[in-house]
Amino acid sequence: ESRWPYLFGAIIVPSLIQVMILPFLPESPRYLLLEKHNTSKAEKAFQTFLGKSDVSNEVEEVLAESRVQRNTKLVSILQLLRTRAVRWQVITVVVTMGCYQLCGLNAV
């Protein structure tokens, strides 16, 4: 019982290591490109991650994916349940996840 404080204090060491290393890690290229709109830093981050100098294909792929996501129509839960093609899949997932939550497996 006297060693419990040491157990709770052990998390300090990995936390300090993470705080010291974090400033040296590059930002996510997707974040830099889509949120910050900084293409040059995004290309530099892609080059760091992928280890190659020509990353124009990856930049174009991220931008194309962003355009597709912007054009995607959001659907409510009621609309999803009214759609006959996906109704049983949604019900199956909801029942499965409900059983998973209620069976106590998360606690184990």
PDB file of N, CA and C in Angstrom:
ATOM      1  N   GLU A   1       0.812  -1.203   0.000  1.00  0.00           N
ATOM      2  CA  GLU A   1       0.000   0.000   0.000  1.00  0.00           C
ATOM      3  C   GLU A   1       0.850   1.259   0.000  1.00  0.00           C
ATOM      4  N   SER A   2       2.007   1.183   0.565  1.00  0.00           N
ATOM      5  CA  SER A   2       2.827   2.383   0.663  1.00  0.00           C
ATOM      6  C   SER A   2       3.424   2.789  -0.690  1.00  0.00           C
ATOM      7  N   ARG A   3       3.387   1.900  -1.670  1.00  0.00           N
ATOM      8  CA  ARG A   3       3.994   2.181  -2.975  1.00  0.00           C
ATOM      9  C   ARG A   3       3.001   2.703  -4.018  1.00  0.00           C
ATOM     10  N   TRP A   4       1.754   2.892  -3.668  1.00  0.00           N
ATOM     11  CA  TRP A   4       0.766   3.409  -4.602  1.00  0.00           C
ATOM     12  C   TRP A   4       1.159   4.763  -5.183  1.00  0.00           C
ATOM     13  N   PRO A   5       1.670   5.690  -4.379  1.00  0.00           N
ATOM     14  CA  PRO A   5       2.067   6.980  -4.967  1.00  0.00           C
ATOM     15  C   PRO A   5       3.126   6.821  -6.058  1.00  0.00           C
ATOM     16  N   TYR A   6       4.010   5.863  -5.916  1.00  0.00           N
ATOM     17  CA  TYR A   6       5.020   5.627  -6.961  1.00  0.00           C
ATOM     18  C   TYR A   6       4.376   5.119  -8.242  1.00  0.00           C
ATOM     19  N   LEU A   7       3.366   4.275  -8.097  1.00  0.00           N
ATOM     20  CA  LEU A   7       2.660   3.769  -9.268  1.00  0.00           C
ATOM     21  C   LEU A   7       1.963   4.909 -10.015  1.00  0.00           C
ATOM     22  N   PHE A   8       1.312   5.772  -9.298  1.00  0.00           N
ATOM     23  CA  PHE A   8       0.641   6.903  -9.939  1.00  0.00           C
ATOM     24  C   PHE A   8       1.641   7.924 -10.472  1.00  0.00           C
ATOM     25  N   GLY A   9       2.786   8.040  -9.840  1.00  0.00           N
ATOM     26  CA  GLY A   9       3.805   8.977 -10.290  1.00  0.00           C
ATOM     27  C   GLY A   9       4.612   8.478 -11.469  1.00  0.00           C
ATOM     28  N   ALA A  10       4.528   7.193 -11.790  1.00  0.00           N
ATOM     29  CA  ALA A  10       5.311   6.628 -12.890  1.00  0.00           C
ATOM     30  C   ALA A  10       4.909   7.204 -14.246  1.00  0.00           C
ATOM     31  N   ILE A  11       3.728   7.732 -14.353  1.00  0.00           N
ATOM     32  CA  ILE A  11       3.261   8.302 -15.619  1.00  0.00           C
ATOM     33  C   ILE A  11       3.969   9.616 -15.938  1.00  0.00           C
ATOM     34  N   ILE A  12       4.614  10.197 -14.954  1.00  0.00           N
ATOM     35  CA  ILE A  12       5.302  11.468 -15.162  1.00  0.00           C
ATOM     36  C   ILE A  12       6.467  11.317 -16.136  1.00  0.00           C
ATOM     37  N   VAL A  13       7.203  10.223 -16.056  1.00  0.00           N
ATOM     38  CA  VAL A  13       8.379  10.033 -16.913  1.00  0.00           C
ATOM     39  C   VAL A  13       8.007   9.994 -18.394  1.00  0.00           C
ATOM     40  N   PRO A  14       7.052   9.141 -18.852  1.00  0.00           N
ATOM     41  CA  PRO A  14       6.685   9.184 -20.272  1.00  0.00           C
ATOM     42  C   PRO A  14       6.097  10.526 -20.694  1.00  0.00           C
ATOM     43  N   SER A  15       5.386  11.177 -19.800  1.00  0.00           N
ATOM     44  CA  SER A  15       4.801  12.486 -20.131  1.00  0.00           C
ATOM     45  C   SER A  15       5.891  13.523 -20.377  1.00  0.00           C
ATOM     46  N   LEU A  16       6.904  13.541 -19.551  1.00  0.00           N
ATOM     47  CA  LEU A  16       8.001  14.487 -19.738  1.00  0.00           C
ATOM     48  C   LEU A  16       8.772  14.201 -21.016  1.00  0.00           C
ATOM     49  N   ILE A  17       8.988  12.925 -21.319  1.00  0.00           N
ATOM     50  CA  ILE A  17       9.676  12.562 -22.557  1.00  0.00           C
ATOM     51  C   ILE A  17       8.864  13.046 -23.762  1.00  0.00           C
ATOM     52  N   GLN A  18       7.571  12.850 -23.723  1.00  0.00           N
ATOM     53  CA  GLN A  18       6.715  13.288 -24.827  1.00  0.00           C
ATOM     54  C   GLN A  18       6.740  14.804 -24.981  1.00  0.00           C
ATOM     55  N   VAL A  19       6.681  15.530 -23.893  1.00  0.00           N
ATOM     56  CA  VAL A  19       6.692  16.990 -23.950  1.00  0.00           C
ATOM     57  C   VAL A  19       8.017  17.497 -24.522  1.00  0.00           C
ATOM     58  N   MET A  20       9.114  16.817 -24.214  1.00  0.00           N
ATOM     59  CA  MET A  20      10.416  17.258 -24.715  1.00  0.00           C
ATOM     60  C   MET A  20      10.587  16.923 -26.196  1.00  0.00           C
ATOM     61  N   ILE A  21      10.019  15.820 -26.673  1.00  0.00           N
ATOM     62  CA  ILE A  21      10.183  15.395 -28.060  1.00  0.00           C
ATOM     63  C   ILE A  21       9.177  16.081 -28.996  1.00  0.00           C
ATOM     64  N   LEU A  22       8.027  16.414 -28.505  1.00  0.00           N
ATOM     65  CA  LEU A  22       6.937  16.934 -29.331  1.00  0.00           C
ATOM     66  C   LEU A  22       7.306  18.131 -30.219  1.00  0.00           C
ATOM     67  N   PRO A  23       8.061  19.105 -29.745  1.00  0.00           N
ATOM     68  CA  PRO A  23       8.385  20.237 -30.632  1.00  0.00           C
ATOM     69  C   PRO A  23       9.236  19.850 -31.847  1.00  0.00           C
ATOM     70  N   PHE A  24       9.919  18.728 -31.798  1.00  0.00           N
ATOM     71  CA  PHE A  24      10.783  18.317 -32.897  1.00  0.00           C
ATOM     72  C   PHE A  24      10.077  17.455 -33.933  1.00  0.00           C
ATOM     73  N   LEU A  25       8.848  17.050 -33.658  1.00  0.00           N
ATOM     74  CA  LEU A  25       8.094  16.228 -34.598  1.00  0.00           C
ATOM     75  C   LEU A  25       7.400  17.118 -35.624  1.00  0.00           C
ATOM     76  N   PRO A  26       7.339  16.688 -36.885  1.00  0.00           N
ATOM     77  CA  PRO A  26       6.672  17.506 -37.905  1.00  0.00           C
ATOM     78  C   PRO A  26       5.156  17.455 -37.742  1.00  0.00           C
ATOM     79  N   GLU A  27       4.516  18.510 -38.221  1.00  0.00           N
ATOM     80  CA  GLU A  27       3.050  18.555 -38.215  1.00  0.00           C
ATOM     81  C   GLU A  27       2.508  17.568 -39.248  1.00  0.00           C
ATOM     82  N   SER A  28       1.255  17.236 -39.119  1.00  0.00           N
ATOM     83  CA  SER A  28       0.598  16.373 -40.089  1.00  0.00           C
ATOM     84  C   SER A  28       0.471  17.102 -41.421  1.00  0.00           C
ATOM     85  N   PRO A  29       0.856  16.457 -42.524  1.00  0.00           N
ATOM     86  CA  PRO A  29       0.725  17.123 -43.829  1.00  0.00           C
ATOM     87  C   PRO A  29      -0.713  17.484 -44.176  1.00  0.00           C
ATOM     88  N   ARG A  30      -1.651  16.623 -43.829  1.00  0.00           N
ATOM     89  CA  ARG A  30      -3.062  16.916 -44.108  1.00  0.00           C
ATOM     90  C   ARG A  30      -3.526  18.152 -43.338  1.00  0.00           C
ATOM     91  N   TYR A  31      -3.121  18.255 -42.082  1.00  0.00           N
ATOM     92  CA  TYR A  31      -3.483  19.405 -41.266  1.00  0.00           C
ATOM     93  C   TYR A  31      -2.899  20.685 -41.860  1.00  0.00           C
ATOM     94  N   LEU A  32      -1.622  20.622 -42.227  1.00  0.00           N
ATOM     95  CA  LEU A  32      -0.979  21.803 -42.795  1.00  0.00           C
ATOM     96  C   LEU A  32      -1.626  22.221 -44.105  1.00  0.00           C
ATOM     97  N   LEU A  33      -2.006  21.254 -44.908  1.00  0.00           N
ATOM     98  CA  LEU A  33      -2.565  21.557 -46.218  1.00  0.00           C
ATOM     99  C   LEU A  33      -4.016  22.004 -46.147  1.00  0.00           C
ATOM    100  N   LEU A  34      -4.839  21.289 -45.405  1.00  0.00           N
ATOM    101  CA  LEU A  34      -6.278  21.556 -45.403  1.00  0.00           C
ATOM    102  C   LEU A  34      -6.713  22.596 -44.376  1.00  0.00           C
ATOM    103  N   GLU A  35      -6.074  22.612 -43.218  1.00  0.00           N
ATOM    104  CA  GLU A  35      -6.493  23.546 -42.170  1.00  0.00           C
ATOM    105  C   GLU A  35      -5.695  24.847 -42.210  1.00  0.00           C
ATOM    106  N   LYS A  36      -4.392  24.741 -42.349  1.00  0.00           N
ATOM    107  CA  LYS A  36      -3.523  25.919 -42.338  1.00  0.00           C
ATOM    108  C   LYS A  36      -3.332  26.517 -43.729  1.00  0.00           C
ATOM    109  N   HIS A  37      -3.677  25.760 -44.781  1.00  0.00           N
ATOM    110  CA  HIS A  37      -3.520  26.196 -46.178  1.00  0.00           C
ATOM    111  C   HIS A  37      -2.078  26.592 -46.483  1.00  0.00           C
ATOM    112  N   ASN A  38      -1.141  25.819 -45.937  1.00  0.00           N
ATOM    113  CA  ASN A  38       0.279  26.081 -46.133  1.00  0.00           C
ATOM    114  C   ASN A  38       0.865  24.946 -46.967  1.00  0.00           C
ATOM    115  N   THR A  39       0.906  25.131 -48.277  1.00  0.00           N
ATOM    116  CA  THR A  39       1.330  24.078 -49.191  1.00  0.00           C
ATOM    117  C   THR A  39       2.815  23.755 -49.046  1.00  0.00           C
ATOM    118  N   SER A  40       3.636  24.764 -48.852  1.00  0.00           N
ATOM    119  CA  SER A  40       5.079  24.515 -48.772  1.00  0.00           C
ATOM    120  C   SER A  40       5.442  23.694 -47.543  1.00  0.00           C
ATOM    121  N   LYS A  41       4.847  24.015 -46.390  1.00  0.00           N
ATOM    122  CA  LYS A  41       5.120  23.222 -45.183  1.00  0.00           C
ATOM    123  C   LYS A  41       4.536  21.816 -45.308  1.00  0.00           C
ATOM    124  N   ALA A  42       3.393  21.697 -45.965  1.00  0.00           N
ATOM    125  CA  ALA A  42       2.792  20.376 -46.168  1.00  0.00           C
ATOM    126  C   ALA A  42       3.690  19.520 -47.052  1.00  0.00           C
ATOM    127  N   GLU A  43       4.240  20.107 -48.114  1.00  0.00           N
ATOM    128  CA  GLU A  43       5.152  19.350 -48.976  1.00  0.00           C
ATOM    129  C   GLU A  43       6.401  18.934 -48.215  1.00  0.00           C
ATOM    130  N   LYS A  44       6.905  19.827 -47.376  1.00  0.00           N
ATOM    131  CA  LYS A  44       8.094  19.514 -46.574  1.00  0.00           C
ATOM    132  C   LYS A  44       7.798  18.365 -45.596  1.00  0.00           C
ATOM    133  N   ALA A  45       6.605  18.382 -44.983  1.00  0.00           N
ATOM    134  CA  ALA A  45       6.221  17.314 -44.062  1.00  0.00           C
ATOM    135  C   ALA A  45       6.052  15.996 -44.810  1.00  0.00           C
ATOM    136  N   PHE A  46       5.444  16.032 -46.005  1.00  0.00           N
ATOM    137  CA  PHE A  46       5.333  14.819 -46.820  1.00  0.00           C
ATOM    138  C   PHE A  46       6.716  14.273 -47.165  1.00  0.00           C
ATOM    139  N   GLN A  47       7.636  15.162 -47.506  1.00  0.00           N
ATOM    140  CA  GLN A  47       8.993  14.725 -47.833  1.00  0.00           C
ATOM    141  C   GLN A  47       9.657  14.074 -46.631  1.00  0.00           C
ATOM    142  N   THR A  48       9.423  14.612 -45.444  1.00  0.00           N
ATOM    143  CA  THR A  48       9.991  14.028 -44.233  1.00  0.00           C
ATOM    144  C   THR A  48       9.405  12.645 -43.971  1.00  0.00           C
ATOM    145  N   PHE A  49       8.091  12.512 -44.109  1.00  0.00           N
ATOM    146  CA  PHE A  49       7.431  11.243 -43.822  1.00  0.00           C
ATOM    147  C   PHE A  49       7.735  10.178 -44.869  1.00  0.00           C
ATOM    148  N   LEU A  50       7.724  10.567 -46.139  1.00  0.00           N
ATOM    149  CA  LEU A  50       7.858   9.586 -47.210  1.00  0.00           C
ATOM    150  C   LEU A  50       9.295   9.373 -47.663  1.00  0.00           C
ATOM    151  N   GLY A  51      10.171  10.319 -47.384  1.00  0.00           N
ATOM    152  CA  GLY A  51      11.567  10.171 -47.743  1.00  0.00           C
ATOM    153  C   GLY A  51      11.850  10.324 -49.229  1.00  0.00           C
ATOM    154  N   LYS A  52      11.015  11.049 -49.939  1.00  0.00           N
ATOM    155  CA  LYS A  52      11.268  11.310 -51.350  1.00  0.00           C
ATOM    156  C   LYS A  52      11.031  12.780 -51.639  1.00  0.00           C
ATOM    157  N   SER A  53      11.643  13.256 -52.730  1.00  0.00           N
ATOM    158  CA  SER A  53      11.599  14.689 -52.996  1.00  0.00           C
ATOM    159  C   SER A  53      10.346  15.126 -53.756  1.00  0.00           C
ATOM    160  N   ASP A  54       9.809  14.268 -54.620  1.00  0.00           N
ATOM    161  CA  ASP A  54       8.625  14.640 -55.401  1.00  0.00           C
ATOM    162  C   ASP A  54       7.374  14.118 -54.712  1.00  0.00           C
ATOM    163  N   VAL A  55       6.651  15.009 -54.083  1.00  0.00           N
ATOM    164  CA  VAL A  55       5.437  14.634 -53.353  1.00  0.00           C
ATOM    165  C   VAL A  55       4.200  15.310 -53.936  1.00  0.00           C
ATOM    166  N   SER A  56       4.297  15.773 -55.167  1.00  0.00           N
ATOM    167  CA  SER A  56       3.174  16.482 -55.772  1.00  0.00           C
ATOM    168  C   SER A  56       1.952  15.580 -55.933  1.00  0.00           C
ATOM    169  N   ASN A  57       2.172  14.279 -56.199  1.00  0.00           N
ATOM    170  CA  ASN A  57       1.037  13.354 -56.320  1.00  0.00           C
ATOM    171  C   ASN A  57       0.282  13.224 -55.006  1.00  0.00           C
ATOM    172  N   GLU A  58       1.014  13.154 -53.903  1.00  0.00           N
ATOM    173  CA  GLU A  58       0.376  13.028 -52.592  1.00  0.00           C
ATOM    174  C   GLU A  58      -0.411  14.289 -52.240  1.00  0.00           C
ATOM    175  N   VAL A  59       0.146  15.448 -52.557  1.00  0.00           N
ATOM    176  CA  VAL A  59      -0.552  16.711 -52.287  1.00  0.00           C
ATOM    177  C   VAL A  59      -1.838  16.776 -53.098  1.00  0.00           C
ATOM    178  N   GLU A  60      -1.765  16.415 -54.375  1.00  0.00           N
ATOM    179  CA  GLU A  60      -2.963  16.413 -55.221  1.00  0.00           C
ATOM    180  C   GLU A  60      -3.992  15.404 -54.727  1.00  0.00           C
ATOM    181  N   GLU A  61      -3.534  14.264 -54.236  1.00  0.00           N
ATOM    182  CA  GLU A  61      -4.446  13.238 -53.717  1.00  0.00           C
ATOM    183  C   GLU A  61      -5.189  13.746 -52.486  1.00  0.00           C
ATOM    184  N   VAL A  62      -4.492  14.427 -51.594  1.00  0.00           N
ATOM    185  CA  VAL A  62      -5.139  14.979 -50.396  1.00  0.00           C
ATOM    186  C   VAL A  62      -6.140  16.064 -50.779  1.00  0.00           C
ATOM    187  N   LEU A  63      -5.777  16.912 -51.730  1.00  0.00           N
ATOM    188  CA  LEU A  63      -6.699  17.961 -52.167  1.00  0.00           C
ATOM    189  C   LEU A  63      -7.929  17.374 -52.858  1.00  0.00           C
ATOM    190  N   ALA A  64      -7.736  16.318 -53.661  1.00  0.00           N
ATOM    191  CA  ALA A  64      -8.873  15.667 -54.324  1.00  0.00           C
ATOM    192  C   ALA A  64      -9.790  15.015 -53.298  1.00  0.00           C
ATOM    193  N   GLU A  65      -9.203  14.379 -52.302  1.00  0.00           N
ATOM    194  CA  GLU A  65     -10.006  13.764 -51.247  1.00  0.00           C
ATOM    195  C   GLU A  65     -10.790  14.819 -50.471  1.00  0.00           C
ATOM    196  N   SER A  66     -10.190  15.964 -50.259  1.00  0.00           N
ATOM    197  CA  SER A  66     -10.883  17.053 -49.568  1.00  0.00           C
ATOM    198  C   SER A  66     -12.071  17.553 -50.383  1.00  0.00           C
ATOM    199  N   ARG A  67     -11.881  17.668 -51.702  1.00  0.00           N
ATOM    200  CA  ARG A  67     -12.994  18.100 -52.563  1.00  0.00           C
ATOM    201  C   ARG A  67     -14.131  17.088 -52.521  1.00  0.00           C
ATOM    202  N   VAL A  68     -13.812  15.807 -52.530  1.00  0.00           N
ATOM    203  CA  VAL A  68     -14.840  14.769 -52.476  1.00  0.00           C
ATOM    204  C   VAL A  68     -15.589  14.834 -51.152  1.00  0.00           C
ATOM    205  N   GLN A  69     -14.871  15.040 -50.056  1.00  0.00           N
ATOM    206  CA  GLN A  69     -15.517  15.112 -48.748  1.00  0.00           C
ATOM    207  C   GLN A  69     -16.425  16.332 -48.637  1.00  0.00           C
ATOM    208  N   ARG A  70     -16.037  17.431 -49.255  1.00  0.00           N
ATOM    209  CA  ARG A  70     -16.888  18.625 -49.222  1.00  0.00           C
ATOM    210  C   ARG A  70     -18.185  18.408 -49.979  1.00  0.00           C
ATOM    211  N   ASN A  71     -18.153  17.571 -51.009  1.00  0.00           N
ATOM    212  CA  ASN A  71     -19.340  17.329 -51.821  1.00  0.00           C
ATOM    213  C   ASN A  71     -20.207  16.197 -51.283  1.00  0.00           C
ATOM    214  N   THR A  72     -19.777  15.544 -50.229  1.00  0.00           N
ATOM    215  CA  THR A  72     -20.537  14.438 -49.659  1.00  0.00           C
ATOM    216  C   THR A  72     -21.732  14.972 -48.879  1.00  0.00           C
ATOM    217  N   LYS A  73     -22.878  14.388 -49.138  1.00  0.00           N
ATOM    218  CA  LYS A  73     -24.103  14.811 -48.473  1.00  0.00           C
ATOM    219  C   LYS A  73     -24.230  14.089 -47.137  1.00  0.00           C
ATOM    220  N   LEU A  74     -24.495  14.829 -46.072  1.00  0.00           N
ATOM    221  CA  LEU A  74     -24.686  14.236 -44.759  1.00  0.00           C
ATOM    222  C   LEU A  74     -26.126  13.742 -44.629  1.00  0.00           C
ATOM    223  N   VAL A  75     -26.277  12.603 -43.984  1.00  0.00           N
ATOM    224  CA  VAL A  75     -27.585  11.980 -43.840  1.00  0.00           C
ATOM    225  C   VAL A  75     -27.876  11.826 -42.349  1.00  0.00           C
ATOM    226  N   SER A  76     -29.112  12.116 -41.962  1.00  0.00           N
ATOM    227  CA  SER A  76     -29.491  11.952 -40.563  1.00  0.00           C
ATOM    228  C   SER A  76     -29.769  10.484 -40.273  1.00  0.00           C
ATOM    229  N   ILE A  77     -29.907  10.171 -39.004  1.00  0.00           N
ATOM    230  CA  ILE A  77     -30.171   8.789 -38.600  1.00  0.00           C
ATOM    231  C   ILE A  77     -31.532   8.332 -39.114  1.00  0.00           C
ATOM    232  N   LEU A  78     -32.524   9.206 -39.046  1.00  0.00           N
ATOM    233  CA  LEU A  78     -33.851   8.834 -39.547  1.00  0.00           C
ATOM    234  C   LEU A  78     -33.823   8.559 -41.053  1.00  0.00           C
ATOM    235  N   GLN A  79     -33.108   9.391 -41.807  1.00  0.00           N
ATOM    236  CA  GLN A  79     -32.994   9.146 -43.243  1.00  0.00           C
ATOM    237  C   GLN A  79     -32.256   7.837 -43.516  1.00  0.00           C
ATOM    238  N   LEU A  80     -31.277   7.541 -42.688  1.00  0.00           N
ATOM    239  CA  LEU A  80     -30.534   6.298 -42.845  1.00  0.00           C
ATOM    240  C   LEU A  80     -31.423   5.086 -42.578  1.00  0.00           C
ATOM    241  N   LEU A  81     -32.272   5.188 -41.548  1.00  0.00           N
ATOM    242  CA  LEU A  81     -33.172   4.074 -41.240  1.00  0.00           C
ATOM    243  C   LEU A  81     -34.302   3.953 -42.263  1.00  0.00           C
ATOM    244  N   ARG A  82     -34.674   5.041 -42.899  1.00  0.00           N
ATOM    245  CA  ARG A  82     -35.720   4.987 -43.920  1.00  0.00           C
ATOM    246  C   ARG A  82     -35.218   4.408 -45.238  1.00  0.00           C
ATOM    247  N   THR A  83     -33.915   4.446 -45.451  1.00  0.00           N
ATOM    248  CA  THR A  83     -33.345   3.905 -46.681  1.00  0.00           C
ATOM    249  C   THR A  83     -33.323   2.385 -46.573  1.00  0.00           C
ATOM    250  N   ARG A  84     -34.064   1.733 -47.440  1.00  0.00           N
ATOM    251  CA  ARG A  84     -34.235   0.290 -47.365  1.00  0.00           C
ATOM    252  C   ARG A  84     -32.922  -0.474 -47.590  1.00  0.00           C
ATOM    253  N   ALA A  85     -32.021   0.076 -48.375  1.00  0.00           N
ATOM    254  CA  ALA A  85     -30.786  -0.623 -48.727  1.00  0.00           C
ATOM    255  C   ALA A  85     -29.842  -0.794 -47.540  1.00  0.00           C
ATOM    256  N   VAL A  86     -29.860   0.122 -46.577  1.00  0.00           N
ATOM    257  CA  VAL A  86     -28.912   0.039 -45.464  1.00  0.00           C
ATOM    258  C   VAL A  86     -29.570  -0.148 -44.102  1.00  0.00           C
ATOM    259  N   ARG A  87     -30.889  -0.283 -44.075  1.00  0.00           N
ATOM    260  CA  ARG A  87     -31.603  -0.369 -42.804  1.00  0.00           C
ATOM    261  C   ARG A  87     -31.125  -1.541 -41.953  1.00  0.00           C
ATOM    262  N   TRP A  88     -31.028  -2.731 -42.532  1.00  0.00           N
ATOM    263  CA  TRP A  88     -30.649  -3.901 -41.738  1.00  0.00           C
ATOM    264  C   TRP A  88     -29.199  -3.837 -41.276  1.00  0.00           C
ATOM    265  N   GLN A  89     -28.330  -3.239 -42.062  1.00  0.00           N
ATOM    266  CA  GLN A  89     -26.948  -3.091 -41.628  1.00  0.00           C
ATOM    267  C   GLN A  89     -26.852  -2.170 -40.416  1.00  0.00           C
ATOM    268  N   VAL A  90     -27.612  -1.079 -40.450  1.00  0.00           N
ATOM    269  CA  VAL A  90     -27.597  -0.128 -39.334  1.00  0.00           C
ATOM    270  C   VAL A  90     -28.182  -0.776 -38.087  1.00  0.00           C
ATOM    271  N   ILE A  91     -29.293  -1.476 -38.231  1.00  0.00           N
ATOM    272  CA  ILE A  91     -29.911  -2.140 -37.079  1.00  0.00           C
ATOM    273  C   ILE A  91     -28.971  -3.189 -36.507  1.00  0.00           C
ATOM    274  N   THR A  92     -28.308  -3.948 -37.366  1.00  0.00           N
ATOM    275  CA  THR A  92     -27.369  -4.969 -36.902  1.00  0.00           C
ATOM    276  C   THR A  92     -26.219  -4.347 -36.115  1.00  0.00           C
ATOM    277  N   VAL A  93     -25.672  -3.259 -36.603  1.00  0.00           N
ATOM    278  CA  VAL A  93     -24.559  -2.598 -35.906  1.00  0.00           C
ATOM    279  C   VAL A  93     -25.030  -2.024 -34.568  1.00  0.00           C
ATOM    280  N   VAL A  94     -26.200  -1.413 -34.543  1.00  0.00           N
ATOM    281  CA  VAL A  94     -26.718  -0.827 -33.305  1.00  0.00           C
ATOM    282  C   VAL A  94     -26.970  -1.913 -32.259  1.00  0.00           C
ATOM    283  N   VAL A  95     -27.589  -3.020 -32.659  1.00  0.00           N
ATOM    284  CA  VAL A  95     -27.858  -4.108 -31.716  1.00  0.00           C
ATOM    285  C   VAL A  95     -26.555  -4.728 -31.225  1.00  0.00           C
ATOM    286  N   THR A  96     -25.609  -4.952 -32.133  1.00  0.00           N
ATOM    287  CA  THR A  96     -24.328  -5.540 -31.742  1.00  0.00           C
ATOM    288  C   THR A  96     -23.598  -4.648 -30.747  1.00  0.00           C
ATOM    289  N   MET A  97     -23.529  -3.359 -31.029  1.00  0.00           N
ATOM    290  CA  MET A  97     -22.830  -2.452 -30.124  1.00  0.00           C
ATOM    291  C   MET A  97     -23.575  -2.296 -28.798  1.00  0.00           C
ATOM    292  N   GLY A  98     -24.905  -2.334 -28.829  1.00  0.00           N
ATOM    293  CA  GLY A  98     -25.672  -2.295 -27.588  1.00  0.00           C
ATOM    294  C   GLY A  98     -25.406  -3.505 -26.720  1.00  0.00           C
ATOM    295  N   CYS A  99     -25.363  -4.675 -27.336  1.00  0.00           N
ATOM    296  CA  CYS A  99     -25.050  -5.901 -26.589  1.00  0.00           C
ATOM    297  C   CYS A  99     -23.633  -5.853 -26.044  1.00  0.00           C
ATOM    298  N   TYR A 100     -22.722  -5.332 -26.827  1.00  0.00           N
ATOM    299  CA  TYR A 100     -21.334  -5.226 -26.401  1.00  0.00           C
ATOM    300  C   TYR A 100     -21.215  -4.335 -25.168  1.00  0.00           C
ATOM    301  N   GLN A 101     -21.974  -3.241 -25.144  1.00  0.00           N
ATOM    302  CA  GLN A 101     -21.938  -2.337 -24.006  1.00  0.00           C
ATOM    303  C   GLN A 101     -22.586  -2.955 -22.758  1.00  0.00           C
ATOM    304  N   LEU A 102     -23.657  -3.723 -22.963  1.00  0.00           N
ATOM    305  CA  LEU A 102     -24.407  -4.249 -21.842  1.00  0.00           C
ATOM    306  C   LEU A 102     -23.859  -5.562 -21.282  1.00  0.00           C
ATOM    307  N   CYS A 103     -23.005  -6.246 -22.014  1.00  0.00           N
ATOM    308  CA  CYS A 103     -22.527  -7.553 -21.547  1.00  0.00           C
ATOM    309  C   CYS A 103     -21.410  -7.425 -20.513  1.00  0.00           C
ATOM    310  N   GLY A 104     -20.822  -6.265 -20.349  1.00  0.00           N
ATOM    311  CA  GLY A 104     -19.787  -6.084 -19.343  1.00  0.00           C
ATOM    312  C   GLY A 104     -18.388  -6.380 -19.833  1.00  0.00           C
ATOM    313  N   LEU A 105     -18.242  -6.619 -21.118  1.00  0.00           N
ATOM    314  CA  LEU A 105     -16.928  -6.936 -21.667  1.00  0.00           C
ATOM    315  C   LEU A 105     -15.977  -5.748 -21.564  1.00  0.00           C
ATOM    316  N   ASN A 106     -16.509  -4.534 -21.633  1.00  0.00           N
ATOM    317  CA  ASN A 106     -15.653  -3.348 -21.501  1.00  0.00           C
ATOM    318  C   ASN A 106     -15.023  -3.273 -20.114  1.00  0.00           C
ATOM    319  N   ALA A 107     -15.758  -3.691 -19.116  1.00  0.00           N
ATOM    320  CA  ALA A 107     -15.245  -3.643 -17.749  1.00  0.00           C
ATOM    321  C   ALA A 107     -14.118  -4.647 -17.540  1.00  0.00           C
ATOM    322  N   VAL A 108     -14.207  -5.770 -18.237  1.00  0.00           N
ATOM    323  CA  VAL A 108     -13.173  -6.802 -18.099  1.00  0.00           C
ATOM    324  C   VAL A 108     -11.901  -6.302 -18.728  1.00  0.00           C
TER     325      VAL A 108
END
